[in-house]
Protein backbone atom coordinates (compact mmCIF):
# COMPACT_ATOMS: atom_id res chain seq x y z
CA MET A 1 0.00 0.00 0.00
CA ILE A 2 1.44 3.35 -1.03
CA LEU A 3 0.27 6.37 0.91
CA SER A 4 -0.86 9.29 -1.21
CA ILE A 5 0.07 12.48 0.60
CA SER A 6 -0.39 16.12 -0.30
CA ILE A 7 2.32 18.53 0.82
CA THR A 8 -0.32 21.10 1.74
CA SER A 9 -2.67 18.77 3.58
CA CYS A 10 -2.79 17.41 7.11
CA GLU A 11 -1.96 14.01 5.63
CA LYS A 12 1.69 14.98 5.29
CA PHE A 13 1.95 13.63 8.85
CA SER A 14 0.11 10.38 8.27
CA LEU A 15 1.47 7.56 10.39
CA LEU A 16 3.34 4.75 8.72
CA LYS A 17 1.06 1.72 8.52
CA ASN A 18 2.47 0.14 5.40
CA GLU A 19 3.23 -3.55 5.59
CA ASP A 20 4.67 -3.94 2.10
CA VAL A 21 8.20 -5.24 1.91
CA GLU A 22 9.34 -1.95 0.39
CA HIS A 23 8.10 -0.03 3.46
CA ILE A 24 6.97 3.10 1.64
CA SER A 25 7.11 5.77 4.33
CA ALA A 26 4.93 8.74 5.13
CA GLY A 27 6.07 12.04 3.65
CA ILE A 28 7.39 10.52 0.42
CA ASN A 29 7.05 13.90 -1.32
CA LEU A 30 9.49 15.48 1.18
CA LYS A 31 12.46 13.60 -0.25
CA THR A 32 13.43 16.52 -2.47
CA LYS A 33 13.96 18.81 0.55
CA THR A 34 16.49 19.10 3.32
CA ILE A 35 15.24 18.92 6.90
CA TRP A 36 15.93 22.64 7.29
CA GLU A 37 13.93 23.53 4.17
CA PHE A 38 10.97 21.67 5.57
CA VAL A 39 11.01 23.02 9.16
CA SER A 40 11.48 26.60 7.94
CA GLU A 41 9.05 26.64 5.02
CA ASN A 42 5.94 28.84 4.93
CA ASN A 43 7.49 31.21 7.48
CA PHE A 44 8.14 28.34 9.90
CA HIS A 45 4.71 26.76 9.28
CA GLU A 46 2.97 29.86 10.54
CA ASN A 47 -0.49 28.96 9.28
CA ASP A 48 -0.50 25.21 8.75
CA PRO A 49 -1.46 22.39 11.14
CA THR A 50 1.95 20.73 11.44
CA LYS A 51 2.86 22.68 14.61
CA ILE A 52 6.62 22.22 14.23
CA GLY A 53 7.65 25.74 13.20
CA LEU A 54 9.05 26.61 16.63
CA PHE A 55 11.57 23.82 16.18
CA GLY A 56 12.73 25.51 12.98
CA LYS A 57 13.17 28.79 14.83
CA ALA A 58 15.09 26.98 17.57
CA VAL A 59 17.38 25.39 14.98
CA GLN A 60 18.09 28.80 13.45
CA HIS A 61 18.71 30.45 16.83
CA ALA A 62 21.02 27.62 17.92
CA GLY A 63 23.15 27.94 14.80
CA LEU A 64 22.21 24.50 13.46
CA LYS A 65 20.70 25.68 10.18
CA ASP A 66 23.76 24.68 8.14
CA LEU A 67 23.80 21.19 9.69
CA LEU A 68 20.16 20.48 8.83
CA ASN A 69 20.46 22.12 5.42
CA ASP A 70 23.54 20.15 4.34
CA SER A 71 22.43 17.71 1.66
CA LYS A 72 25.49 15.54 2.34
CA GLN A 73 24.41 14.79 5.90
CA ASN A 74 22.57 11.62 6.86
CA LEU A 75 20.76 12.22 10.15
CA THR A 76 17.85 11.14 12.30
CA VAL A 77 16.15 14.10 13.98
CA ILE A 78 13.53 14.06 16.75
CA ILE A 79 11.24 17.08 16.27
CA PRO A 80 9.05 18.21 19.21
CA ASN A 81 5.80 19.98 18.41
CA ASP A 82 5.38 23.66 19.20
CA ASP A 83 3.49 23.27 22.49
CA VAL A 84 5.90 20.90 24.21
CA LEU A 85 8.98 22.79 22.99
CA LEU A 86 7.55 26.08 24.29
CA ASN A 87 6.71 24.49 27.66
CA PHE A 88 10.26 23.21 27.88
CA ILE A 89 11.65 26.69 27.13
CA ILE A 90 9.38 28.20 29.78
CA GLY A 91 10.61 25.51 32.20
CA LEU A 92 14.16 26.75 31.57
CA GLY A 93 13.04 30.20 32.72
CA TYR A 94 12.68 31.88 29.30
CA THR A 95 9.67 33.28 27.46
CA GLU A 96 10.67 32.94 23.80
CA VAL A 97 13.00 30.64 21.93
CA GLU A 98 15.13 33.67 21.04
CA ASP A 99 15.70 34.33 24.76
CA VAL A 100 17.53 31.04 25.31
CA PRO A 101 21.34 31.33 25.05
CA PRO A 102 22.24 29.66 21.71
CA ILE A 103 24.81 27.30 23.24
CA ILE A 104 22.22 25.86 25.65
CA LEU A 105 19.67 25.39 22.88
CA LYS A 106 22.26 23.88 20.57
CA ASN A 107 23.35 21.30 23.13
CA ILE A 108 19.74 20.28 23.86
CA LEU A 109 18.77 20.00 20.18
CA LEU A 110 21.88 17.97 19.35
CA ASN A 111 20.79 15.62 22.15
CA ASN A 112 17.91 14.61 19.85
CA ILE A 113 19.92 14.18 16.63
CA ILE A 114 21.92 11.08 15.68
CA GLU A 115 24.06 10.04 12.72
CA GLY A 116 22.42 7.80 10.14
CA ARG A 117 18.82 7.13 9.19
CA VAL A 118 16.80 5.13 11.70
CA ARG A 119 13.21 4.40 10.70
CA SER A 120 10.65 2.39 12.61
CA PHE A 121 10.89 -0.53 10.19
CA ASP A 122 14.68 -0.64 10.69
CA LEU A 123 14.21 -1.64 14.34
CA GLU A 124 13.63 -5.06 15.84
CA ALA A 125 10.38 -5.05 17.81
CA GLY A 126 10.71 -4.88 21.57
CA VAL A 127 14.39 -3.94 21.64
CA ASP A 128 15.63 -0.65 23.15
CA LYS A 129 18.31 0.52 20.71
CA SER A 130 20.83 3.05 21.99
CA TYR A 131 22.51 5.58 19.68
CA PRO A 132 25.16 8.22 20.46
CA SER A 133 23.63 11.65 19.93
CA LEU A 134 25.48 14.61 18.42
CA SER A 135 25.75 16.04 21.95
CA ASN A 136 27.76 12.92 22.92
CA ASP A 137 24.91 11.66 25.08
CA SER A 138 22.51 8.79 24.34
CA LEU A 139 19.25 8.53 22.44
CA TYR A 140 17.04 5.43 22.67
CA LEU A 141 14.57 4.30 20.00
CA THR A 142 12.14 1.44 20.56
CA ARG A 143 9.62 -0.18 18.22
CA THR A 144 6.71 -2.07 19.72
CA ILE A 145 3.74 -3.83 18.21
CA ALA A 146 0.17 -2.79 18.99
CA VAL A 147 -3.16 -4.05 17.69
CA GLY A 148 -3.46 -2.84 14.11
CA ASN A 149 -0.01 -1.22 14.07
CA GLU A 150 3.28 -3.08 14.18
CA TYR A 151 5.32 0.13 14.01
CA VAL A 152 4.74 1.99 17.29
CA LEU A 153 7.89 4.09 17.77
CA THR A 154 8.98 5.53 21.11
CA VAL A 155 11.93 7.76 22.07
CA ASN A 156 13.86 7.30 25.33
CA ALA A 157 11.64 4.53 26.70
CA SER A 158 14.66 2.51 27.85
CA PRO A 159 15.00 1.38 31.49
CA ASN A 160 18.69 2.26 31.12
CA ALA A 161 17.84 5.98 31.36
CA SER A 162 15.64 8.14 33.58
CA SER A 163 14.39 10.21 30.67
CA VAL A 164 10.70 10.91 30.16
CA SER A 165 9.77 8.81 27.16
CA ALA A 166 7.92 10.25 24.18
CA SER A 167 5.81 8.50 21.58
CA VAL A 168 6.31 9.40 17.94
CA ARG A 169 3.16 10.91 16.53
CA THR A 170 4.52 11.09 12.98
CA GLN A 171 7.32 8.84 11.86
CA ASN A 172 9.71 8.22 8.98
CA LEU A 173 9.58 11.60 7.27
CA GLU A 174 12.26 11.12 4.60
CA PHE A 175 14.42 14.02 3.40
CA ILE A 176 17.49 14.47 1.23
CA ASN A 177 19.70 14.54 4.29
CA GLY A 178 17.94 12.29 6.78
CA VAL A 179 14.77 11.16 8.43
CA ALA A 180 12.64 12.90 11.07
CA HIS A 181 10.17 11.75 13.72
CA VAL A 182 7.72 14.18 15.38
CA VAL A 183 6.88 13.77 19.09
CA ASN A 184 4.19 15.25 21.32
CA SER A 185 6.33 15.17 24.48
CA PHE A 186 9.71 16.84 24.93
CA THR A 187 12.39 14.35 25.87
CA TYR A 188 16.12 14.58 26.53
CA TYR A 189 18.71 12.22 27.97
CA ILE A 190 18.77 11.86 31.75
CA ALA A 191 21.42 9.44 32.96
CA LYS A 192 20.12 6.76 35.30
CA THR A 193 21.87 6.91 38.67
CA ASN A 194 21.88 4.85 41.85
CA PRO A 195 20.13 6.07 45.00
CA GLN A 196 22.32 7.32 47.81
CA ASP A 197 22.86 5.02 50.76
CA GLN A 198 20.42 5.34 53.61
CA VAL A 199 21.73 7.22 56.62
CA ASN A 200 22.25 5.20 59.79
CA PRO A 201 21.14 7.55 62.59
CA ALA A 202 23.54 5.81 64.96
CA ASN A 203 26.48 7.09 62.92
CA VAL A 204 25.55 10.75 62.86
CA SER A 205 24.32 13.41 65.22
CA ILE A 206 21.78 15.62 63.47
CA LEU A 207 18.71 17.71 64.13
CA SER A 208 15.63 17.22 61.97
CA ASP A 209 12.37 18.93 61.10
CA THR A 210 9.38 17.48 59.23
CA ILE A 211 7.06 19.27 56.81
CA TYR A 212 4.02 17.15 55.95
CA VAL A 213 2.21 17.31 52.65
CA THR A 214 -0.66 19.80 52.70
CA LYS A 215 -2.43 18.66 49.52
CA ASP A 216 -2.14 15.45 47.50
CA THR A 217 -4.04 13.92 44.63
CA TYR A 218 -3.54 12.36 41.23
CA LEU A 219 -4.68 13.52 37.82
CA GLN A 220 -5.98 11.25 35.08
CA ASN A 221 -6.15 11.96 31.37
CA GLY A 222 -8.64 10.62 28.83
CA THR A 223 -12.02 11.69 27.52
CA ALA A 224 -13.93 10.30 30.51
CA ASN A 225 -11.39 11.23 33.18
CA ARG A 226 -9.89 14.64 32.44
CA THR A 227 -12.41 16.51 34.61
CA LEU A 228 -12.62 14.02 37.48
CA ASN A 229 -11.27 14.82 40.93
CA TYR A 230 -9.33 12.36 43.10
CA GLY A 231 -8.56 14.54 46.11
CA ALA A 232 -10.09 12.15 48.66
CA VAL A 233 -8.35 8.95 47.52
CA LEU A 234 -6.36 6.80 49.93
CA ASP A 235 -3.35 6.53 47.66
CA VAL A 236 -1.77 8.78 45.05
CA GLN A 237 -1.31 7.06 41.72
CA THR A 238 0.83 7.40 38.64
CA LYS A 239 0.85 5.37 35.45
CA LEU A 240 2.75 6.05 32.23
CA PHE A 241 3.18 9.77 31.60
CA GLY A 242 4.96 10.86 28.44
CA ALA A 243 5.55 7.64 26.51
CA THR A 244 2.34 8.12 24.61
CA GLY A 245 2.07 11.85 25.11
CA ASN A 246 -0.40 13.90 27.09
CA ALA A 247 -3.23 12.47 25.01
CA ALA A 248 -2.85 9.00 26.52
CA SER A 249 -6.27 8.02 27.86
CA PHE A 250 -4.73 5.91 30.63
CA SER A 251 -1.97 8.21 31.90
CA LYS A 252 -1.97 9.26 35.56
CA ARG A 253 0.22 11.82 37.29
CA THR A 254 0.64 12.71 40.96
CA LEU A 255 0.27 16.25 42.31
CA THR A 256 1.36 17.27 45.81
CA GLN A 257 1.94 20.52 47.66
CA TYR A 258 4.33 21.27 50.55
CA ALA A 259 4.96 24.38 52.60
CA VAL A 260 8.35 26.10 52.26
CA ARG A 261 9.89 27.57 55.42
CA ALA A 262 13.14 27.76 57.33
CA PRO A 263 13.90 24.77 59.57
CA ARG A 264 12.80 24.91 63.19
CA PHE A 265 16.29 23.94 64.32
CA SER A 266 18.94 26.68 64.36
CA GLY A 267 21.62 26.75 61.70
CA ARG A 268 21.77 25.71 58.09
CA ILE A 269 20.04 22.88 56.26
CA GLY A 270 22.17 19.82 55.56
CA THR A 271 19.71 17.79 53.48
CA VAL A 272 16.07 17.87 52.43
CA ARG A 273 14.48 14.58 51.45
CA LEU A 274 11.09 13.99 49.86
CA GLU A 275 9.76 10.83 51.52
CA MET A 276 6.70 8.74 50.66
CA PHE A 277 5.22 5.35 51.57
CA PHE A 278 4.77 3.15 48.50
CA ASN A 279 1.94 0.64 48.79
CA THR A 280 1.60 -0.48 45.15
CA ILE A 281 4.43 -1.09 42.71
CA GLN A 282 3.43 -3.11 39.66
CA ASN A 283 7.03 -3.64 38.57
CA ALA A 284 10.43 -1.96 38.63
CA THR A 285 10.44 1.47 37.02
CA THR A 286 11.77 5.01 37.41
CA MET A 287 9.59 7.74 38.89
CA ASN A 288 10.53 11.32 38.03
CA PHE A 289 9.52 14.35 40.07
CA PHE A 290 8.97 17.84 38.69
CA GLU A 291 8.28 21.33 40.02
CA ASP A 292 4.88 22.15 38.61
CA GLN A 293 3.62 25.70 38.14
CA ASN A 294 3.76 27.64 41.40
CA VAL A 295 0.05 28.47 41.66
CA ASP A 296 -2.36 27.31 44.34
CA TRP A 297 -5.06 24.71 43.66
CA ASN A 298 -8.10 23.22 45.37
CA GLU A 299 -7.64 19.61 46.39
CA SER A 300 -11.36 18.83 46.21
CA THR A 301 -11.88 20.19 42.68
CA VAL A 302 -8.58 20.04 40.80
CA SER A 303 -8.46 17.85 37.67
CA TRP A 304 -6.19 17.19 34.71
CA VAL A 305 -7.80 20.17 32.96
CA THR A 306 -7.50 22.69 35.81
CA ALA A 307 -4.21 21.59 37.40
CA PRO A 308 -1.10 23.79 37.49
CA THR A 309 0.97 23.48 34.32
CA PHE A 310 3.08 20.35 34.47
CA GLY A 311 6.80 20.86 34.96
CA SER A 312 9.08 19.52 32.22
CA ILE A 313 12.44 19.54 34.03
CA SER A 314 13.07 16.79 36.58
CA ILE A 315 14.11 17.83 40.10
CA GLY A 316 14.94 14.24 41.02
CA SER A 317 14.06 10.60 40.42
CA ILE A 318 13.74 7.36 42.29
CA ASN A 319 14.17 3.81 41.01
CA VAL A 320 11.21 1.93 42.48
CA THR A 321 11.13 -1.87 42.73
CA GLN A 322 8.58 -4.36 44.02
CA ALA A 323 10.80 -4.88 47.05
CA MET A 324 9.94 -1.30 48.09
CA ARG A 325 6.22 -2.07 48.38
CA ASN A 326 4.85 -1.11 51.82
CA THR A 327 8.04 0.76 52.72
CA TRP A 328 9.20 4.35 52.96
CA ALA A 329 11.41 5.64 50.15
CA ASN A 330 12.98 9.06 49.59
CA ILE A 331 14.92 11.26 47.20
CA ASP A 332 17.26 14.16 47.90
CA ILE A 333 15.75 17.52 46.85
CA THR A 334 18.07 19.72 48.91
CA SER A 335 19.09 22.09 46.13
CA PHE A 336 15.50 22.43 44.88
CA TYR A 337 14.19 23.24 48.37
CA ASN A 338 17.00 25.68 49.15
CA ALA A 339 16.33 27.48 45.88
CA ALA A 340 12.61 27.76 46.70
CA LEU A 341 13.50 29.10 50.16
CA THR A 342 15.90 31.65 48.67
CA GLN A 343 13.27 32.74 46.14
CA GLY A 344 10.78 33.44 48.94
CA LYS A 345 8.25 30.80 47.90
CA THR A 346 5.75 29.81 50.59
CA PHE A 347 4.84 26.50 48.94
CA VAL A 348 5.93 24.25 46.10
CA ASN A 349 3.91 21.95 43.84
CA ILE A 350 5.67 18.66 43.08
CA GLY A 351 4.33 16.36 40.39
CA GLY A 352 5.38 12.77 39.86
CA ALA A 353 5.26 10.40 36.89
CA VAL A 354 6.65 6.99 36.02
CA VAL A 355 8.45 6.41 32.72
CA GLN A 356 6.86 3.05 31.83
CA ASP A 357 3.36 1.64 31.51
CA LEU A 358 3.17 0.53 35.13
CA ASN A 359 1.04 1.46 38.13
CA THR A 360 2.84 2.99 41.12
CA HIS A 361 0.99 4.28 44.20
CA PHE A 362 2.00 5.93 47.46
CA ARG A 363 -0.23 6.63 50.44
CA SER A 364 -2.12 9.91 50.66
CA LYS A 365 -2.77 12.03 53.75
CA GLU A 366 -6.32 10.63 53.87
CA PHE A 367 -5.11 7.10 54.59
CA SER A 368 -5.05 5.96 58.24
CA GLY A 369 -5.43 9.49 59.61
CA GLY A 370 -2.34 10.68 57.79
CA ALA A 371 0.05 8.22 59.45
CA PHE A 372 1.67 7.41 56.09
CA ARG A 373 1.38 10.76 54.34
CA SER A 374 4.33 12.01 52.30
CA ARG A 375 6.66 14.53 53.87
CA LEU A 376 9.81 16.61 53.60
CA ILE A 377 12.55 15.76 56.11
CA LEU A 378 14.89 18.70 56.80
CA SER A 379 18.14 17.74 58.54
CA SER A 380 21.06 19.69 59.96
CA PRO A 381 24.55 18.87 58.64
CA PRO A 382 26.80 16.47 60.61
CA VAL A 383 30.59 16.40 60.34
CA SER A 384 31.54 15.52 56.77
CA ILE A 385 33.21 12.19 55.94
CA ILE A 386 34.62 13.32 52.56
CA SER A 387 37.85 14.97 51.47
CA PRO A 388 39.14 16.29 48.12
CA ALA A 389 41.11 13.99 45.79
CA ALA A 390 41.20 16.10 42.59
CA ASN A 391 40.61 19.76 41.78
CA ASN A 392 42.11 20.69 38.41
CA PRO A 393 41.15 23.41 35.91
CA LEU A 394 38.77 22.68 33.04
CA GLU A 395 40.49 23.10 29.69
CA VAL A 396 38.00 24.39 27.10
CA SER A 397 38.62 25.02 23.42
CA VAL A 398 37.00 28.00 21.67
CA SER A 399 36.45 25.78 18.63
CA ASN A 400 34.75 23.12 20.77
CA PRO A 401 32.89 25.05 23.47
CA VAL A 402 31.31 22.03 25.21
CA LYS A 403 33.53 20.43 27.86
CA VAL A 404 32.48 17.36 29.84
CA LEU A 405 33.44 17.63 33.50
CA SER A 406 35.33 14.48 34.54
CA LEU A 407 36.71 12.99 37.74
CA ASN A 408 40.14 14.18 36.62
CA GLU A 409 38.99 17.75 37.25
CA LEU A 410 36.76 17.22 40.29
CA ARG A 411 36.66 14.27 42.68
CA PHE A 412 36.17 13.73 46.40
CA GLN A 413 36.83 10.55 48.37
CA GLY A 414 35.53 8.99 51.56
CA THR A 415 32.42 7.24 50.23
CA ALA A 416 30.95 6.00 46.93
CA ASP A 417 30.41 8.42 44.01
CA LYS A 418 26.62 8.17 44.41
CA ASN A 419 26.97 9.46 48.00
CA ILE A 420 28.86 12.65 47.12
CA SER A 421 27.06 15.70 45.77
CA TYR A 422 28.06 19.22 44.77
CA THR A 423 26.00 22.39 45.09
CA LEU A 424 26.69 25.36 42.82
CA THR A 425 27.25 28.44 44.98
CA GLN A 426 28.68 30.75 42.31
CA ALA A 427 27.82 30.26 38.65
CA PRO A 428 30.34 30.75 35.80
CA GLN A 429 30.22 34.16 34.10
CA ASN A 430 31.23 33.25 30.54
CA GLY A 431 29.29 30.03 30.14
CA PHE A 432 26.94 27.58 31.79
CA LEU A 433 27.29 24.49 33.92
CA VAL A 434 24.63 22.00 32.80
CA LEU A 435 23.31 18.68 34.08
CA ASN A 436 21.75 16.42 31.44
CA GLY A 437 21.76 19.52 29.24
CA ILE A 438 19.78 21.67 31.71
CA PRO A 439 21.55 24.78 33.10
CA LEU A 440 22.35 24.60 36.79
CA LEU A 441 21.38 27.69 38.75
CA VAL A 442 22.90 28.75 42.06
CA ASN A 443 21.82 26.22 44.74
CA SER A 444 21.39 23.50 42.13
CA SER A 445 23.29 20.28 42.69
CA PHE A 446 24.64 17.13 41.03
CA THR A 447 26.35 13.97 42.23
CA GLN A 448 29.84 12.63 41.66
CA GLU A 449 28.23 9.64 39.98
CA GLN A 450 26.75 12.02 37.39
CA ILE A 451 30.23 13.41 36.78
CA ALA A 452 31.45 9.85 36.21
CA LYS A 453 28.60 9.27 33.73
CA GLY A 454 29.62 12.34 31.70
CA VAL A 455 26.38 14.32 31.99
CA VAL A 456 27.81 17.38 33.79
CA LYS A 457 29.18 19.81 31.21
CA TYR A 458 30.49 23.34 30.87
CA LEU A 459 29.13 25.27 27.87
CA TYR A 460 31.26 28.24 26.82
CA ASN A 461 29.07 31.05 25.46
CA GLY A 462 31.79 32.91 23.56
CA THR A 463 31.76 36.13 25.60
CA SER A 464 35.37 35.96 26.83
CA PRO A 465 38.45 34.34 25.28
CA SER A 466 40.47 33.61 28.39
CA THR A 467 39.13 32.31 31.70
CA ASP A 468 36.07 31.52 33.76
CA ALA A 469 35.39 29.99 37.17
CA LEU A 470 32.67 28.55 39.36
CA THR A 471 32.35 27.71 43.04
CA LEU A 472 30.91 24.53 44.54
CA GLU A 473 30.05 23.15 47.95
CA ALA A 474 30.67 19.43 48.51
CA ARG A 475 28.56 17.27 50.80
CA ASP A 476 28.11 13.61 51.64
CA PHE A 477 24.95 11.49 51.78
CA GLN A 478 24.69 11.94 55.57
CA GLY A 479 24.34 15.69 55.05
CA GLY A 480 27.88 16.52 56.09
CA ILE A 481 29.29 19.55 54.29
CA TYR A 482 33.00 19.87 53.49
CA ASN A 483 34.33 22.85 55.41
CA GLN A 484 35.75 24.75 52.42
CA LEU A 485 34.22 25.84 49.12
CA ILE A 486 35.73 24.40 45.95
CA ASN A 487 36.89 26.87 43.31
CA LEU A 488 36.92 25.26 39.88
CA ASN A 489 38.91 27.31 37.37
CA ILE A 490 38.22 27.19 33.62
CA ASN A 491 40.86 27.94 30.98
CA ILE A 492 39.46 28.87 27.56
CA ARG A 493 41.97 28.67 24.71
């Protein structure tokens, strides 16, 4: 079966459903164009239904026009639609695509571009295939079989990453210089990391303060569920958010609210942990947490339609397993909480979503009189158990402005890499420190394990030809803070 597609019609984005051995793909009439010519045509698709023009503007602003217009290239490009790309940009703290520093945008877009053409029918069903992206990270493509469609294509659905997965709404658009897939959810590589060790209270002397959840519910999508309220449920549920986009009729997402205040104990905060009691875990998966829009909501009326805008940038994740059923589990959100405190916020909204098609529940404040309600545990810092082992300048080339931070430049010892974290106290002036491509602001943090995995990078923005520097605070998993700040110098040549 050959699909007949008009370049001016909505059918240009027809899904591939061809079963012929030749695998004639959707968008056959695009083969005379480069990817750039397509994403920029008709004034960046200003008045047509494709909704991918903002990606074209982002490509232009990031300085990637020549790459996507080079007829000698052979690429696979993941194109987000306008709405999800704009939400991602807003999540970064910008209003328009032109406001984002080009080097940040370039690194993120290259994260979703790989060498070579990969189409859905090139993939073995049920296998997560990993590809090195042009940002030197990873991109995962997976083909699954559904009823009536043997070519369901998903991006970053692999259990080897903590990325939010995204289903391809339009696949196998063939161009002179590559193939493109359009997604309805923004996705980027998030390296999967191990949870920090649990603190043995017998080994440390700390003060603690507890902030209990004030509102909790879950939101469910779908024609029959989008306006329903679940504020009185006994457990807060999440099931597959992102892998099939926001239109998935069966997706569920948690929504919680916590007060933000200084600790009741005197002195500084060592750690802040978000803790919840899991009562249902269908199978092992990753659960990501996000800061949702900072607006208040009514627990007894909120629904998928009226909820605060979902956050798109993860503030932390937890690898849940069936062994954690009916137990407390927690993640470190110290930098996120400290930033909210510094910004004068009186509350934060934290949303949660799993990355696979699995049910995961934790107890709500309505269950058993609130005995198992989620909470924030604020702790004072004990004496640190770590000490520096490496602190060497970053060497950055003007011609290659992206430098991966390695353990050769920054490393502490005294416990495992997963148990050592760094908080940015002074940001670089001539570039950006990023984690999984996302710029780190003052009070943001990352772990030594993430350094080892190569997802902490310095992006030089081209404003100065000589030097830069940043300052970090090192701490261990018990909350102990190393007694001196770390100055990391950057040489730009």
